[in-house]
Amino acid sequence: MKIKRFYGKNPLEVITRVKEELGEEALILSSRRHNGEGVYEIVAAIDGSSAEGFPAGRPEETPAELDLRRELQEIKTLLKEVLSPYKAGERFLRLVELGIPPEVAQKVVEDPLSWLKAHLKRSAATPFSRRNIFVGPAGAGKTSSIFKIAAWFRYHRGEAVRVLSLDRHRVGALQEARRLGDLLEIPVDTEVPDPLSEETYLLVDTPGWGGRFGPEDLREILEKIPRARVQLVLKATEHPLVWKHFLEQCMDFPVEGVVLTHADRIYCGLSLGFLLEENLPGISFVSLGPRIPEDLARATEEVLEKTFLRGLNLVYGLQ
């Protein structure tokens, strides 16, 4: 650390001398005017490695100079952290304001569009096995999503499909399943079919996750239905912390995909960005509204782009 005093008739003259001798990297430590003398004084400093042509001075520093150098280094480190685009950049703050988790905002802040496009390719249209158990928090839209998917397979793909309704906790759940089954001409069972057909899609409706239905209950169902996979039903408008807790509880099971519901209600698609991480299952279907069976789409790259790019103009400030 090189420290030197500079004198002149006014601040501009002294600052010019500081820059000429120490360069643009010089740090102003103090400044004052000597009353009655017409002299202005500035104390400036610069790292020894940056001071070209500056006299080396004493080989050792005084304790006061060492303390000053440490304080200056701490200030520089703090300034770099505060001014970094991840911490205080306008776009980062805007992302957090829009409900994007900070850890996602840090990854996408430089170029949200490129990040999304790269991750959407990996997440598009995951496989969908013939035996799937739908699991999700109460109110996520499991039952309606199951019948939307059942209708999609039957009327768009010409596949045989059955629904197994196992929700015994929610009042009216079974009656709702039977009403929808009659409306869409889809068979509804209340017990595991015996034998299980290899040619039929079996979609299993379960009670809301938590409370009276949890990991042990799911393991019991998986034991009764060989080669079954799990579809996680997640409400797009739910708080990310609620999702993360639910996902952590389910990742030990054979999760094949995610059904994203209420996607038409999200304000900014980047708030769902954590679903595109490589350690999480891909998205199989997206539910875009309350109508059955119309408001449903297979999670192709095009459909996911429309969902996750929603509200991106709010980030970029574009119209």
Protein backbone atom coordinates (compact mmCIF):
# COMPACT_ATOMS: atom_id res chain seq x y z
CA MET A 1 0.00 0.00 0.00
CA LYS A 2 1.46 3.37 -1.08
CA ILE A 3 0.15 6.48 0.71
CA LYS A 4 1.07 10.09 -0.18
CA ARG A 5 -0.08 13.63 0.54
CA PHE A 6 -0.76 16.03 -2.30
CA TYR A 7 -1.13 19.83 -2.10
CA GLY A 8 -2.55 22.51 -4.37
CA LYS A 9 -4.56 25.72 -4.56
CA ASN A 10 -7.90 23.98 -5.11
CA PRO A 11 -9.42 20.43 -5.12
CA LEU A 12 -9.36 20.06 -8.91
CA GLU A 13 -5.65 20.91 -9.10
CA VAL A 14 -4.81 18.40 -6.36
CA ILE A 15 -6.97 15.60 -7.82
CA THR A 16 -5.24 16.11 -11.17
CA ARG A 17 -1.88 15.62 -9.49
CA VAL A 18 -3.13 12.48 -7.75
CA LYS A 19 -4.25 10.95 -11.06
CA GLU A 20 -1.04 11.95 -12.83
CA GLU A 21 1.16 10.35 -10.19
CA LEU A 22 -0.92 7.43 -8.89
CA GLY A 23 -3.29 6.81 -11.79
CA GLU A 24 -7.05 6.25 -11.96
CA GLU A 25 -6.89 3.43 -9.37
CA ALA A 26 -5.90 5.79 -6.57
CA LEU A 27 -8.19 5.91 -3.55
CA ILE A 28 -8.82 9.25 -1.78
CA LEU A 29 -8.39 8.69 1.96
CA SER A 30 -8.99 12.23 3.19
CA SER A 31 -9.16 15.85 2.04
CA ARG A 32 -9.04 19.21 3.82
CA ARG A 33 -8.30 22.90 3.33
CA HIS A 34 -5.64 24.55 5.49
CA ASN A 35 -7.46 27.59 6.86
CA GLY A 36 -5.66 30.86 6.25
CA GLU A 37 -2.97 29.28 4.06
CA GLY A 38 -4.88 28.92 0.80
CA VAL A 39 -3.67 25.33 0.50
CA TYR A 40 -5.79 22.25 -0.22
CA GLU A 41 -4.53 18.82 0.91
CA ILE A 42 -5.50 15.30 -0.25
CA VAL A 43 -4.19 12.03 1.16
CA ALA A 44 -4.35 9.30 -1.49
CA ALA A 45 -3.35 5.63 -1.59
CA ILE A 46 -2.82 2.85 -4.10
CA ASP A 47 -1.80 -0.82 -4.02
CA GLY A 48 1.95 -1.28 -4.46
CA SER A 49 1.32 -3.60 -7.44
CA SER A 50 -0.58 -0.81 -9.22
CA ALA A 51 1.82 2.08 -8.53
CA GLU A 52 4.06 2.27 -11.56
CA GLY A 53 7.00 4.61 -11.00
CA PHE A 54 5.88 5.42 -7.46
CA PRO A 55 8.74 5.34 -4.94
CA ALA A 56 8.81 2.21 -2.83
CA GLY A 57 9.31 4.11 0.43
CA ARG A 58 9.97 2.17 3.59
CA PRO A 59 10.19 -1.63 3.19
CA GLU A 60 7.94 -2.11 6.19
CA GLU A 61 4.58 -0.55 7.06
CA THR A 62 3.64 0.94 10.38
CA PRO A 63 0.87 -0.76 12.39
CA ALA A 64 -1.45 2.13 11.50
CA GLU A 65 -0.73 1.67 7.78
CA LEU A 66 -1.31 -2.10 8.05
CA ASP A 67 -4.67 -1.52 9.73
CA LEU A 68 -5.58 1.02 7.07
CA ARG A 69 -4.66 -1.39 4.29
CA ARG A 70 -6.79 -4.14 5.81
CA GLU A 71 -9.73 -1.78 6.15
CA LEU A 72 -9.36 -0.65 2.55
CA GLN A 73 -9.29 -4.25 1.36
CA GLU A 74 -12.45 -5.03 3.33
CA ILE A 75 -14.13 -1.98 1.80
CA LYS A 76 -13.14 -3.08 -1.71
CA THR A 77 -14.47 -6.59 -1.09
CA LEU A 78 -17.72 -5.24 0.29
CA LEU A 79 -18.16 -2.88 -2.65
CA LYS A 80 -17.60 -5.70 -5.14
CA GLU A 81 -20.24 -7.80 -3.38
CA VAL A 82 -22.78 -4.99 -3.10
CA LEU A 83 -22.28 -3.87 -6.68
CA SER A 84 -22.27 -7.33 -8.18
CA PRO A 85 -25.20 -7.93 -10.58
CA TYR A 86 -26.42 -10.86 -8.48
CA LYS A 87 -26.79 -8.81 -5.31
CA ALA A 88 -27.86 -5.38 -6.29
CA GLY A 89 -28.30 -5.37 -10.05
CA GLU A 90 -31.56 -3.86 -11.15
CA ARG A 91 -32.60 -7.03 -12.97
CA PHE A 92 -31.81 -9.28 -9.99
CA LEU A 93 -33.92 -7.12 -7.69
CA ARG A 94 -36.70 -7.11 -10.29
CA LEU A 95 -36.59 -10.91 -10.50
CA VAL A 96 -36.93 -11.31 -6.74
CA GLU A 97 -39.71 -8.73 -6.70
CA LEU A 98 -41.59 -10.84 -9.26
CA GLY A 99 -41.46 -13.90 -6.98
CA ILE A 100 -38.45 -15.71 -8.47
CA PRO A 101 -36.48 -17.51 -5.74
CA PRO A 102 -33.09 -15.78 -5.22
CA GLU A 103 -31.11 -18.92 -6.11
CA VAL A 104 -32.91 -19.07 -9.47
CA ALA A 105 -32.56 -15.32 -10.00
CA GLN A 106 -28.77 -15.61 -9.58
CA LYS A 107 -28.59 -18.17 -12.38
CA VAL A 108 -30.79 -16.35 -14.87
CA VAL A 109 -29.98 -12.70 -14.18
CA GLU A 110 -27.42 -12.34 -16.98
CA ASP A 111 -29.63 -13.73 -19.75
CA PRO A 112 -33.03 -15.12 -18.63
CA LEU A 113 -34.16 -15.96 -22.17
CA SER A 114 -31.11 -18.06 -23.08
CA TRP A 115 -31.20 -19.86 -19.72
CA LEU A 116 -34.87 -20.74 -20.14
CA LYS A 117 -34.53 -21.98 -23.70
CA ALA A 118 -31.59 -24.23 -22.80
CA HIS A 119 -33.43 -25.78 -19.85
CA LEU A 120 -36.79 -26.11 -21.59
CA LYS A 121 -35.29 -28.48 -24.17
CA ARG A 122 -34.39 -30.92 -21.39
CA SER A 123 -37.76 -30.69 -19.64
CA ALA A 124 -40.08 -31.03 -22.62
CA ALA A 125 -42.57 -33.93 -22.86
CA THR A 126 -41.26 -36.50 -20.40
CA PRO A 127 -42.25 -40.17 -20.85
CA PHE A 128 -45.62 -41.23 -19.50
CA SER A 129 -45.98 -44.84 -18.34
CA ARG A 130 -49.21 -46.81 -18.54
CA ARG A 131 -49.57 -46.93 -14.76
CA ASN A 132 -49.30 -43.61 -12.97
CA ILE A 133 -50.15 -42.57 -9.42
CA PHE A 134 -50.97 -38.88 -9.06
CA VAL A 135 -49.75 -37.25 -5.85
CA GLY A 136 -50.07 -33.64 -4.77
CA PRO A 137 -51.13 -31.28 -1.98
CA ALA A 138 -54.82 -30.73 -1.38
CA GLY A 139 -56.23 -28.21 -3.83
CA ALA A 140 -53.53 -28.76 -6.44
CA GLY A 141 -56.08 -30.08 -8.94
CA LYS A 142 -55.32 -33.83 -9.01
CA THR A 143 -58.79 -35.13 -9.82
CA SER A 144 -59.55 -32.67 -12.62
CA SER A 145 -56.03 -33.15 -14.06
CA ILE A 146 -56.42 -36.94 -14.05
CA PHE A 147 -59.64 -36.77 -16.06
CA LYS A 148 -58.19 -34.21 -18.45
CA ILE A 149 -55.26 -36.58 -19.08
CA ALA A 150 -57.57 -39.59 -19.33
CA ALA A 151 -59.66 -37.78 -21.96
CA TRP A 152 -56.50 -36.73 -23.79
CA PHE A 153 -55.32 -40.33 -24.09
CA ARG A 154 -58.73 -41.63 -25.08
CA TYR A 155 -59.83 -38.99 -27.57
CA HIS A 156 -56.51 -37.71 -28.93
CA ARG A 157 -54.55 -40.95 -28.91
CA GLY A 158 -57.32 -43.57 -29.11
CA GLU A 159 -55.96 -45.40 -26.05
CA ALA A 160 -57.86 -47.47 -23.48
CA VAL A 161 -57.80 -45.74 -20.08
CA ARG A 162 -59.24 -46.27 -16.58
CA VAL A 163 -59.22 -44.12 -13.46
CA LEU A 164 -58.69 -45.62 -9.99
CA SER A 165 -60.19 -43.34 -7.31
CA LEU A 166 -58.57 -43.91 -3.88
CA ASP A 167 -59.45 -40.59 -2.22
CA ARG A 168 -61.55 -41.57 0.79
CA HIS A 169 -60.79 -38.43 2.82
CA ARG A 170 -62.18 -35.54 0.80
CA VAL A 171 -65.95 -35.27 1.01
CA GLY A 172 -67.53 -35.91 -2.39
CA ALA A 173 -64.27 -37.03 -4.03
CA LEU A 174 -65.62 -40.38 -5.21
CA GLN A 175 -68.90 -38.84 -6.41
CA GLU A 176 -66.92 -36.24 -8.39
CA ALA A 177 -64.79 -38.96 -9.98
CA ARG A 178 -67.84 -41.00 -10.98
CA ARG A 179 -69.61 -37.93 -12.40
CA LEU A 180 -66.60 -37.02 -14.52
CA GLY A 181 -66.20 -40.65 -15.58
CA ASP A 182 -69.80 -40.81 -16.76
CA LEU A 183 -69.47 -37.49 -18.58
CA LEU A 184 -66.30 -38.51 -20.43
CA GLU A 185 -67.20 -42.22 -20.73
CA ILE A 186 -64.11 -43.28 -18.79
CA PRO A 187 -64.37 -46.27 -16.40
CA VAL A 188 -63.81 -45.45 -12.73
CA ASP A 189 -62.67 -48.12 -10.24
CA THR A 190 -62.45 -47.99 -6.46
CA GLU A 191 -60.17 -51.03 -6.12
CA VAL A 192 -57.05 -52.03 -8.02
CA PRO A 193 -58.25 -53.92 -11.14
CA ASP A 194 -57.41 -57.62 -11.20
CA PRO A 195 -55.87 -58.47 -13.54
CA LEU A 196 -54.07 -55.27 -14.53
CA SER A 197 -54.18 -54.80 -18.28
CA GLU A 198 -50.90 -54.11 -20.04
CA GLU A 199 -52.76 -52.27 -22.82
CA THR A 200 -54.72 -49.83 -20.64
CA TYR A 201 -53.57 -46.57 -19.08
CA LEU A 202 -54.34 -46.67 -15.35
CA LEU A 203 -54.47 -43.25 -13.66
CA VAL A 204 -54.67 -43.36 -9.85
CA ASP A 205 -56.23 -40.53 -7.86
CA THR A 206 -54.96 -40.21 -4.24
CA PRO A 207 -55.92 -38.07 -1.22
CA GLY A 208 -54.21 -34.73 -0.66
CA TRP A 209 -50.59 -35.13 0.43
CA GLY A 210 -49.94 -34.51 4.09
CA GLY A 211 -51.93 -35.22 7.22
CA ARG A 212 -53.74 -38.49 6.52
CA PHE A 213 -51.87 -39.40 3.36
CA GLY A 214 -48.08 -39.53 3.17
CA PRO A 215 -45.03 -41.60 2.21
CA GLU A 216 -46.14 -44.85 3.85
CA ASP A 217 -49.52 -44.74 2.13
CA LEU A 218 -47.87 -44.13 -1.23
CA ARG A 219 -45.50 -47.07 -0.72
CA GLU A 220 -48.51 -49.30 -0.02
CA ILE A 221 -50.16 -48.29 -3.31
CA LEU A 222 -46.92 -48.84 -5.23
CA GLU A 223 -46.69 -52.36 -3.82
CA LYS A 224 -50.18 -53.15 -5.10
CA ILE A 225 -49.53 -51.79 -8.61
CA PRO A 226 -46.35 -53.26 -10.12
CA ARG A 227 -44.25 -51.00 -12.36
CA ALA A 228 -46.31 -47.96 -11.44
CA ARG A 229 -44.77 -44.52 -11.64
CA VAL A 230 -45.60 -41.29 -9.81
CA GLN A 231 -46.80 -38.01 -11.30
CA LEU A 232 -46.46 -35.00 -8.99
CA VAL A 233 -49.33 -32.52 -9.35
CA LEU A 234 -48.15 -29.00 -8.58
CA LYS A 235 -50.14 -25.79 -8.57
CA ALA A 236 -48.26 -23.11 -10.53
CA THR A 237 -49.39 -20.32 -8.20
CA GLU A 238 -48.17 -22.07 -5.04
CA HIS A 239 -45.24 -20.54 -3.15
CA PRO A 240 -41.92 -22.14 -4.21
CA LEU A 241 -41.02 -23.00 -0.60
CA VAL A 242 -44.17 -25.14 -0.33
CA TRP A 243 -43.22 -26.91 -3.55
CA LYS A 244 -39.65 -27.55 -2.45
CA HIS A 245 -40.73 -29.17 0.79
CA PHE A 246 -43.18 -31.42 -1.08
CA LEU A 247 -40.60 -32.33 -3.75
CA GLU A 248 -38.03 -33.27 -1.10
CA GLN A 249 -40.51 -35.71 0.45
CA CYS A 250 -41.28 -37.39 -2.87
CA MET A 251 -37.91 -37.77 -4.55
CA ASP A 252 -37.26 -41.24 -3.06
CA PHE A 253 -40.21 -42.59 -5.08
CA PRO A 254 -40.23 -43.50 -8.81
CA VAL A 255 -41.32 -40.04 -9.92
CA GLU A 256 -41.71 -39.89 -13.69
CA GLY A 257 -43.01 -36.39 -14.24
CA VAL A 258 -44.78 -33.27 -13.03
CA VAL A 259 -48.28 -32.11 -13.94
CA LEU A 260 -48.37 -28.34 -13.72
CA THR A 261 -51.83 -26.93 -12.93
CA HIS A 262 -53.24 -23.38 -12.99
CA ALA A 263 -50.45 -22.35 -15.37
CA ASP A 264 -52.74 -19.70 -16.86
CA ARG A 265 -52.68 -17.79 -13.56
CA ILE A 266 -48.97 -17.25 -13.11
CA TYR A 267 -47.68 -13.69 -13.29
CA CYS A 268 -44.13 -14.48 -14.35
CA GLY A 269 -43.06 -17.90 -15.64
CA LEU A 270 -39.54 -17.51 -14.26
CA SER A 271 -40.98 -18.00 -10.77
CA LEU A 272 -41.23 -21.70 -11.74
CA GLY A 273 -37.63 -21.84 -12.95
CA PHE A 274 -36.48 -24.21 -10.23
CA LEU A 275 -38.66 -26.92 -11.82
CA LEU A 276 -36.24 -26.96 -14.76
CA GLU A 277 -33.22 -28.00 -12.66
CA GLU A 278 -31.52 -31.21 -13.80
CA ASN A 279 -32.11 -33.03 -10.50
CA LEU A 280 -35.91 -32.76 -10.85
CA PRO A 281 -38.26 -34.76 -13.10
CA GLY A 282 -39.47 -33.15 -16.29
CA ILE A 283 -42.96 -31.79 -16.89
CA SER A 284 -45.43 -34.17 -18.53
CA PHE A 285 -48.62 -32.11 -18.85
CA VAL A 286 -49.65 -28.49 -18.34
CA SER A 287 -53.16 -27.54 -17.26
CA LEU A 288 -54.11 -24.12 -18.57
CA GLY A 289 -57.54 -23.57 -17.01
CA PRO A 290 -60.53 -25.11 -15.21
CA ARG A 291 -62.34 -26.66 -18.18
CA ILE A 292 -62.40 -30.44 -18.59
CA PRO A 293 -61.05 -31.80 -20.86
CA GLU A 294 -60.12 -28.81 -23.05
CA ASP A 295 -57.60 -26.93 -20.90
CA LEU A 296 -54.75 -29.40 -21.05
CA ALA A 297 -51.63 -29.71 -23.16
CA ARG A 298 -48.79 -32.18 -23.42
CA ALA A 299 -45.65 -30.46 -22.17
CA THR A 300 -43.92 -30.00 -25.50
CA GLU A 301 -41.14 -27.46 -25.84
CA GLU A 302 -43.55 -25.04 -27.51
CA VAL A 303 -46.10 -25.30 -24.69
CA LEU A 304 -43.43 -24.91 -22.01
CA GLU A 305 -42.03 -21.85 -23.76
CA LYS A 306 -45.44 -20.16 -23.62
CA THR A 307 -45.69 -21.03 -19.93
CA PHE A 308 -42.20 -20.17 -18.70
CA LEU A 309 -41.71 -17.12 -20.94
CA ARG A 310 -44.91 -15.63 -19.60
CA GLY A 311 -44.22 -12.20 -18.14
CA LEU A 312 -40.60 -12.12 -19.33
CA ASN A 313 -41.17 -8.62 -20.68
CA LEU A 314 -41.54 -7.55 -17.05
CA VAL A 315 -37.93 -8.62 -16.50
CA TYR A 316 -36.45 -7.07 -19.61
CA GLY A 317 -38.64 -3.99 -19.46
CA LEU A 318 -39.91 -4.64 -22.99
CA GLN A 319 -43.36 -3.79 -24.26
